[in-house]
Amino acid sequence: MTIREASAEWQGTLKEGSGRLRLGSGVFEGAYSFPSRFENGPGTNPEELIGAAHAGCFSMALTFALGQEGHVARNIRTIARVHLGATAAGPTITRIDLETEAEVADLAQDEFERLAQSAKAGCLVSRA
């Protein structure tokens, strides 16, 4: 299988320091910090990137599931909401909610939901 790479650099203390996140493909590089991760400060954070990865993977898996049934979506838009919570082990991702809207001709809602469940099972990030 393919190996994907990303990197992170950090300088300074946890609360006053900052870092850079980079994708191996070179298409994204962004700053992150304690405030961007835990206080809604400017910059990105690892959880936001996990959300983007999950939304992207699910949208592609849904495209595949639709195609297997002869459907082509004009557009698929997925929003991932990554929930952070406190546990005895410390902060953790407690769940990721996906909200998807798609434009697909001649597809009943119940059939779309069945294919969305299939896409969830087929999404690599959902299984990570």
N, C-alpha and C. Protein backbone atom coordinates (compact mmCIF):
# COMPACT_ATOMS: atom_id res chain seq x y z
N MET A 1 0.84 -1.19 0.00
CA MET A 1 0.00 0.00 0.00
C MET A 1 0.88 1.25 0.00
N THR A 2 0.27 2.35 -0.23
CA THR A 2 0.93 3.65 -0.27
C THR A 2 1.24 4.14 1.14
N ILE A 3 2.33 4.86 1.29
CA ILE A 3 2.68 5.49 2.56
C ILE A 3 2.57 6.99 2.38
N ARG A 4 1.82 7.64 3.24
CA ARG A 4 1.66 9.10 3.22
C ARG A 4 2.45 9.67 4.38
N GLU A 5 2.94 10.89 4.22
CA GLU A 5 3.79 11.49 5.23
C GLU A 5 3.34 12.91 5.56
N ALA A 6 3.47 13.27 6.80
CA ALA A 6 3.26 14.64 7.27
C ALA A 6 4.26 14.88 8.38
N SER A 7 4.55 16.13 8.67
CA SER A 7 5.52 16.42 9.72
C SER A 7 5.05 17.58 10.59
N ALA A 8 5.62 17.63 11.78
CA ALA A 8 5.34 18.72 12.72
C ALA A 8 6.65 19.13 13.37
N GLU A 9 6.79 20.43 13.56
CA GLU A 9 7.92 20.98 14.31
C GLU A 9 7.34 21.84 15.43
N TRP A 10 7.97 21.80 16.59
CA TRP A 10 7.53 22.59 17.73
C TRP A 10 8.73 23.27 18.36
N GLN A 11 8.53 24.52 18.79
CA GLN A 11 9.58 25.25 19.49
C GLN A 11 8.97 25.94 20.69
N GLY A 12 9.66 25.86 21.82
CA GLY A 12 9.21 26.55 23.02
C GLY A 12 8.42 25.66 23.95
N THR A 13 7.83 26.29 24.95
CA THR A 13 7.04 25.57 25.94
C THR A 13 5.66 25.23 25.36
N LEU A 14 4.93 24.42 26.08
CA LEU A 14 3.61 24.02 25.60
C LEU A 14 2.69 25.21 25.40
N LYS A 15 2.57 26.07 26.39
CA LYS A 15 1.60 27.17 26.31
C LYS A 15 2.11 28.39 25.55
N GLU A 16 3.40 28.65 25.58
CA GLU A 16 3.92 29.84 24.90
C GLU A 16 4.58 29.52 23.56
N GLY A 17 4.84 28.26 23.30
CA GLY A 17 5.51 27.87 22.07
C GLY A 17 4.59 27.85 20.88
N SER A 18 5.17 27.46 19.75
CA SER A 18 4.38 27.33 18.52
C SER A 18 5.08 26.36 17.59
N GLY A 19 4.37 25.98 16.55
CA GLY A 19 4.94 25.02 15.62
C GLY A 19 4.37 25.17 14.23
N ARG A 20 4.84 24.30 13.35
CA ARG A 20 4.39 24.26 11.96
C ARG A 20 4.02 22.82 11.64
N LEU A 21 2.89 22.66 10.97
CA LEU A 21 2.44 21.37 10.44
C LEU A 21 2.61 21.41 8.94
N ARG A 22 3.14 20.33 8.37
CA ARG A 22 3.39 20.27 6.93
C ARG A 22 2.92 18.92 6.38
N LEU A 23 2.30 18.98 5.22
CA LEU A 23 1.96 17.75 4.51
C LEU A 23 3.11 17.38 3.60
N GLY A 24 3.37 16.09 3.48
CA GLY A 24 4.47 15.63 2.64
C GLY A 24 4.33 16.02 1.19
N SER A 25 3.12 16.20 0.71
CA SER A 25 2.88 16.60 -0.68
C SER A 25 3.28 18.04 -0.94
N GLY A 26 3.41 18.83 0.14
CA GLY A 26 3.77 20.23 0.00
C GLY A 26 2.60 21.16 -0.25
N VAL A 27 1.38 20.65 -0.31
CA VAL A 27 0.23 21.51 -0.62
C VAL A 27 -0.31 22.26 0.60
N PHE A 28 0.14 21.88 1.80
CA PHE A 28 -0.31 22.60 3.00
C PHE A 28 0.83 22.73 3.98
N GLU A 29 0.93 23.91 4.57
CA GLU A 29 1.81 24.16 5.71
C GLU A 29 1.11 25.21 6.56
N GLY A 30 1.01 24.97 7.85
CA GLY A 30 0.31 25.93 8.69
C GLY A 30 0.86 25.98 10.10
N ALA A 31 0.65 27.11 10.73
CA ALA A 31 1.08 27.32 12.11
C ALA A 31 0.08 26.70 13.08
N TYR A 32 0.60 26.22 14.22
CA TYR A 32 -0.28 25.76 15.29
C TYR A 32 0.35 26.12 16.63
N SER A 33 -0.50 26.17 17.65
CA SER A 33 -0.05 26.58 18.97
C SER A 33 -1.05 26.06 20.01
N PHE A 34 -0.72 26.26 21.27
CA PHE A 34 -1.67 25.90 22.33
C PHE A 34 -2.99 26.65 22.14
N PRO A 35 -2.96 27.99 21.91
CA PRO A 35 -4.24 28.69 21.69
C PRO A 35 -5.02 28.19 20.48
N SER A 36 -4.34 27.84 19.38
CA SER A 36 -5.08 27.37 18.20
C SER A 36 -5.66 25.98 18.44
N ARG A 37 -5.09 25.25 19.37
CA ARG A 37 -5.58 23.91 19.63
C ARG A 37 -6.65 23.87 20.71
N PHE A 38 -6.48 24.64 21.76
CA PHE A 38 -7.37 24.51 22.91
C PHE A 38 -8.18 25.76 23.25
N GLU A 39 -7.90 26.89 22.59
CA GLU A 39 -8.57 28.14 22.96
C GLU A 39 -9.16 28.88 21.76
N ASN A 40 -9.33 28.25 20.64
CA ASN A 40 -9.87 28.88 19.43
C ASN A 40 -9.03 30.04 18.94
N GLY A 41 -7.72 29.99 19.19
CA GLY A 41 -6.81 31.01 18.69
C GLY A 41 -6.54 30.83 17.20
N PRO A 42 -5.81 31.77 16.59
CA PRO A 42 -5.52 31.68 15.16
C PRO A 42 -4.56 30.53 14.85
N GLY A 43 -4.71 29.96 13.68
CA GLY A 43 -3.87 28.84 13.26
C GLY A 43 -4.68 27.57 13.17
N THR A 44 -4.02 26.51 12.85
CA THR A 44 -4.68 25.21 12.72
C THR A 44 -4.34 24.36 13.93
N ASN A 45 -4.73 23.09 13.89
CA ASN A 45 -4.42 22.15 14.96
C ASN A 45 -4.54 20.74 14.42
N PRO A 46 -3.96 19.76 15.10
CA PRO A 46 -4.02 18.39 14.60
C PRO A 46 -5.45 17.87 14.43
N GLU A 47 -6.34 18.26 15.34
CA GLU A 47 -7.71 17.75 15.26
C GLU A 47 -8.45 18.29 14.04
N GLU A 48 -8.18 19.53 13.68
CA GLU A 48 -8.77 20.11 12.49
C GLU A 48 -8.30 19.36 11.24
N LEU A 49 -7.04 18.99 11.22
CA LEU A 49 -6.52 18.23 10.08
C LEU A 49 -7.11 16.82 10.03
N ILE A 50 -7.32 16.22 11.21
CA ILE A 50 -8.00 14.92 11.25
C ILE A 50 -9.41 15.06 10.68
N GLY A 51 -10.10 16.14 11.05
CA GLY A 51 -11.45 16.39 10.52
C GLY A 51 -11.44 16.55 9.02
N ALA A 52 -10.48 17.30 8.49
CA ALA A 52 -10.39 17.48 7.03
C ALA A 52 -10.12 16.14 6.34
N ALA A 53 -9.24 15.35 6.94
CA ALA A 53 -8.94 14.04 6.36
C ALA A 53 -10.18 13.14 6.37
N HIS A 54 -10.92 13.17 7.47
CA HIS A 54 -12.12 12.33 7.57
C HIS A 54 -13.18 12.77 6.57
N ALA A 55 -13.41 14.08 6.48
CA ALA A 55 -14.41 14.60 5.54
C ALA A 55 -14.03 14.26 4.10
N GLY A 56 -12.76 14.42 3.77
CA GLY A 56 -12.31 14.12 2.41
C GLY A 56 -12.41 12.65 2.07
N CYS A 57 -11.99 11.81 3.00
CA CYS A 57 -12.06 10.36 2.79
C CYS A 57 -13.51 9.90 2.64
N PHE A 58 -14.38 10.37 3.52
CA PHE A 58 -15.79 9.97 3.46
C PHE A 58 -16.42 10.42 2.15
N SER A 59 -16.15 11.64 1.72
CA SER A 59 -16.73 12.14 0.46
C SER A 59 -16.30 11.28 -0.72
N MET A 60 -15.04 10.87 -0.74
CA MET A 60 -14.57 10.00 -1.82
C MET A 60 -15.19 8.61 -1.72
N ALA A 61 -15.32 8.08 -0.50
CA ALA A 61 -15.94 6.77 -0.31
C ALA A 61 -17.41 6.80 -0.73
N LEU A 62 -18.10 7.90 -0.44
CA LEU A 62 -19.49 8.05 -0.86
C LEU A 62 -19.59 8.13 -2.38
N THR A 63 -18.68 8.85 -3.00
CA THR A 63 -18.63 8.90 -4.46
C THR A 63 -18.49 7.50 -5.05
N PHE A 64 -17.62 6.70 -4.44
CA PHE A 64 -17.42 5.32 -4.91
C PHE A 64 -18.69 4.50 -4.71
N ALA A 65 -19.31 4.58 -3.52
CA ALA A 65 -20.53 3.82 -3.24
C ALA A 65 -21.65 4.20 -4.20
N LEU A 66 -21.80 5.49 -4.46
CA LEU A 66 -22.82 5.94 -5.42
C LEU A 66 -22.52 5.38 -6.81
N GLY A 67 -21.28 5.44 -7.22
CA GLY A 67 -20.89 4.94 -8.54
C GLY A 67 -21.13 3.46 -8.70
N GLN A 68 -20.95 2.69 -7.64
CA GLN A 68 -21.20 1.25 -7.69
C GLN A 68 -22.66 0.95 -7.99
N GLU A 69 -23.55 1.90 -7.64
CA GLU A 69 -24.99 1.74 -7.88
C GLU A 69 -25.45 2.51 -9.11
N GLY A 70 -24.50 3.05 -9.88
CA GLY A 70 -24.84 3.76 -11.11
C GLY A 70 -25.22 5.21 -10.94
N HIS A 71 -24.91 5.80 -9.79
CA HIS A 71 -25.24 7.20 -9.52
C HIS A 71 -23.98 8.05 -9.56
N VAL A 72 -24.14 9.28 -10.03
CA VAL A 72 -23.05 10.25 -10.03
C VAL A 72 -23.54 11.49 -9.29
N ALA A 73 -22.80 11.88 -8.27
CA ALA A 73 -23.16 13.08 -7.53
C ALA A 73 -22.64 14.31 -8.27
N ARG A 74 -23.50 15.30 -8.38
CA ARG A 74 -23.06 16.57 -8.96
C ARG A 74 -22.12 17.28 -7.99
N ASN A 75 -22.40 17.10 -6.70
CA ASN A 75 -21.60 17.74 -5.67
C ASN A 75 -21.79 16.98 -4.36
N ILE A 76 -20.71 16.83 -3.61
CA ILE A 76 -20.77 16.27 -2.25
C ILE A 76 -19.99 17.22 -1.36
N ARG A 77 -20.61 17.62 -0.25
CA ARG A 77 -19.93 18.48 0.71
C ARG A 77 -20.09 17.85 2.08
N THR A 78 -18.97 17.57 2.73
CA THR A 78 -18.98 16.96 4.05
C THR A 78 -18.26 17.86 5.04
N ILE A 79 -18.90 18.09 6.17
CA ILE A 79 -18.30 18.83 7.28
C ILE A 79 -18.03 17.83 8.39
N ALA A 80 -16.83 17.83 8.92
CA ALA A 80 -16.48 16.99 10.07
C ALA A 80 -16.36 17.87 11.30
N ARG A 81 -17.04 17.48 12.35
CA ARG A 81 -16.93 18.19 13.63
C ARG A 81 -16.23 17.25 14.61
N VAL A 82 -15.01 17.62 14.96
CA VAL A 82 -14.18 16.81 15.84
C VAL A 82 -14.39 17.30 17.27
N HIS A 83 -14.91 16.44 18.12
CA HIS A 83 -15.22 16.80 19.50
C HIS A 83 -14.07 16.40 20.41
N LEU A 84 -13.61 17.35 21.20
CA LEU A 84 -12.57 17.09 22.20
C LEU A 84 -13.22 17.06 23.57
N GLY A 85 -12.76 16.16 24.40
CA GLY A 85 -13.27 16.07 25.75
C GLY A 85 -12.18 15.67 26.71
N ALA A 86 -12.45 15.82 27.98
CA ALA A 86 -11.50 15.44 29.01
C ALA A 86 -11.81 14.04 29.51
N THR A 87 -10.76 13.25 29.66
CA THR A 87 -10.88 11.92 30.25
C THR A 87 -9.81 11.80 31.33
N ALA A 88 -9.82 10.70 32.05
CA ALA A 88 -8.80 10.48 33.07
C ALA A 88 -7.40 10.47 32.45
N ALA A 89 -7.31 10.06 31.19
CA ALA A 89 -6.02 10.02 30.50
C ALA A 89 -5.63 11.38 29.92
N GLY A 90 -6.52 12.36 30.01
CA GLY A 90 -6.25 13.69 29.46
C GLY A 90 -7.20 14.00 28.32
N PRO A 91 -6.95 15.12 27.62
CA PRO A 91 -7.81 15.48 26.49
C PRO A 91 -7.83 14.36 25.43
N THR A 92 -9.00 14.14 24.86
CA THR A 92 -9.11 13.09 23.84
C THR A 92 -10.18 13.47 22.82
N ILE A 93 -10.10 12.88 21.66
CA ILE A 93 -11.17 13.01 20.67
C ILE A 93 -12.27 12.06 21.10
N THR A 94 -13.42 12.62 21.44
CA THR A 94 -14.52 11.78 21.92
C THR A 94 -15.41 11.27 20.79
N ARG A 95 -15.49 12.03 19.71
CA ARG A 95 -16.24 11.56 18.54
C ARG A 95 -16.00 12.53 17.39
N ILE A 96 -16.34 12.06 16.20
CA ILE A 96 -16.32 12.91 15.01
C ILE A 96 -17.67 12.76 14.33
N ASP A 97 -18.39 13.87 14.21
CA ASP A 97 -19.68 13.88 13.52
C ASP A 97 -19.46 14.34 12.09
N LEU A 98 -20.02 13.62 11.15
CA LEU A 98 -19.97 14.01 9.74
C LEU A 98 -21.34 14.47 9.30
N GLU A 99 -21.39 15.61 8.65
CA GLU A 99 -22.63 16.13 8.07
C GLU A 99 -22.38 16.27 6.58
N THR A 100 -23.18 15.57 5.79
CA THR A 100 -22.96 15.53 4.34
C THR A 100 -24.19 15.98 3.59
N GLU A 101 -23.96 16.82 2.60
CA GLU A 101 -24.99 17.21 1.65
C GLU A 101 -24.50 16.81 0.28
N ALA A 102 -25.40 16.25 -0.52
CA ALA A 102 -25.01 15.82 -1.86
C ALA A 102 -26.14 16.10 -2.83
N GLU A 103 -25.76 16.41 -4.05
CA GLU A 103 -26.73 16.57 -5.14
C GLU A 103 -26.61 15.33 -6.02
N VAL A 104 -27.63 14.47 -5.92
CA VAL A 104 -27.65 13.23 -6.70
C VAL A 104 -29.03 13.09 -7.31
N ALA A 105 -29.10 13.04 -8.62
CA ALA A 105 -30.39 12.92 -9.30
C ALA A 105 -31.00 11.54 -9.09
N ASP A 106 -32.31 11.51 -8.96
CA ASP A 106 -33.08 10.26 -8.93
C ASP A 106 -32.60 9.28 -7.86
N LEU A 107 -32.37 9.78 -6.66
CA LEU A 107 -31.95 8.91 -5.56
C LEU A 107 -32.78 9.24 -4.33
N ALA A 108 -33.52 8.24 -3.84
CA ALA A 108 -34.36 8.42 -2.66
C ALA A 108 -33.49 8.60 -1.42
N GLN A 109 -34.04 9.30 -0.43
CA GLN A 109 -33.30 9.59 0.80
C GLN A 109 -32.85 8.31 1.50
N ASP A 110 -33.74 7.31 1.60
CA ASP A 110 -33.36 6.08 2.30
C ASP A 110 -32.24 5.35 1.57
N GLU A 111 -32.22 5.40 0.25
CA GLU A 111 -31.15 4.79 -0.53
C GLU A 111 -29.84 5.56 -0.33
N PHE A 112 -29.93 6.89 -0.29
CA PHE A 112 -28.75 7.70 -0.03
C PHE A 112 -28.16 7.35 1.35
N GLU A 113 -29.02 7.23 2.34
CA GLU A 113 -28.56 6.91 3.70
C GLU A 113 -27.91 5.53 3.75
N ARG A 114 -28.45 4.56 3.01
CA ARG A 114 -27.85 3.23 2.95
C ARG A 114 -26.45 3.31 2.34
N LEU A 115 -26.32 4.07 1.26
CA LEU A 115 -25.02 4.22 0.61
C LEU A 115 -24.05 5.01 1.48
N ALA A 116 -24.56 5.96 2.24
CA ALA A 116 -23.70 6.72 3.16
C ALA A 116 -23.15 5.80 4.26
N GLN A 117 -23.97 4.88 4.75
CA GLN A 117 -23.49 3.92 5.75
C GLN A 117 -22.43 3.01 5.15
N SER A 118 -22.63 2.61 3.91
CA SER A 118 -21.63 1.81 3.21
C SER A 118 -20.33 2.59 3.05
N ALA A 119 -20.45 3.88 2.74
CA ALA A 119 -19.27 4.73 2.59
C ALA A 119 -18.54 4.87 3.91
N LYS A 120 -19.27 4.99 5.00
CA LYS A 120 -18.64 5.10 6.32
C LYS A 120 -17.81 3.85 6.60
N ALA A 121 -18.36 2.68 6.28
CA ALA A 121 -17.63 1.43 6.49
C ALA A 121 -16.42 1.32 5.57
N GLY A 122 -16.50 1.94 4.39
CA GLY A 122 -15.41 1.85 3.43
C GLY A 122 -14.36 2.93 3.55
N CYS A 123 -14.62 3.94 4.35
CA CYS A 123 -13.69 5.07 4.50
C CYS A 123 -12.52 4.66 5.39
N LEU A 124 -11.31 4.76 4.86
CA LEU A 124 -10.12 4.38 5.61
C LEU A 124 -9.97 5.17 6.91
N VAL A 125 -10.28 6.45 6.87
CA VAL A 125 -10.13 7.29 8.07
C VAL A 125 -11.18 6.92 9.11
N SER A 126 -12.37 6.53 8.69
CA SER A 126 -13.40 6.09 9.65
C SER A 126 -12.93 4.86 10.41
N ARG A 127 -12.10 4.06 9.77
CA ARG A 127 -11.62 2.82 10.39
C ARG A 127 -10.30 2.99 11.13
N ALA A 128 -9.73 4.18 11.07
CA ALA A 128 -8.41 4.38 11.72
C ALA A 128 -8.53 4.34 13.23
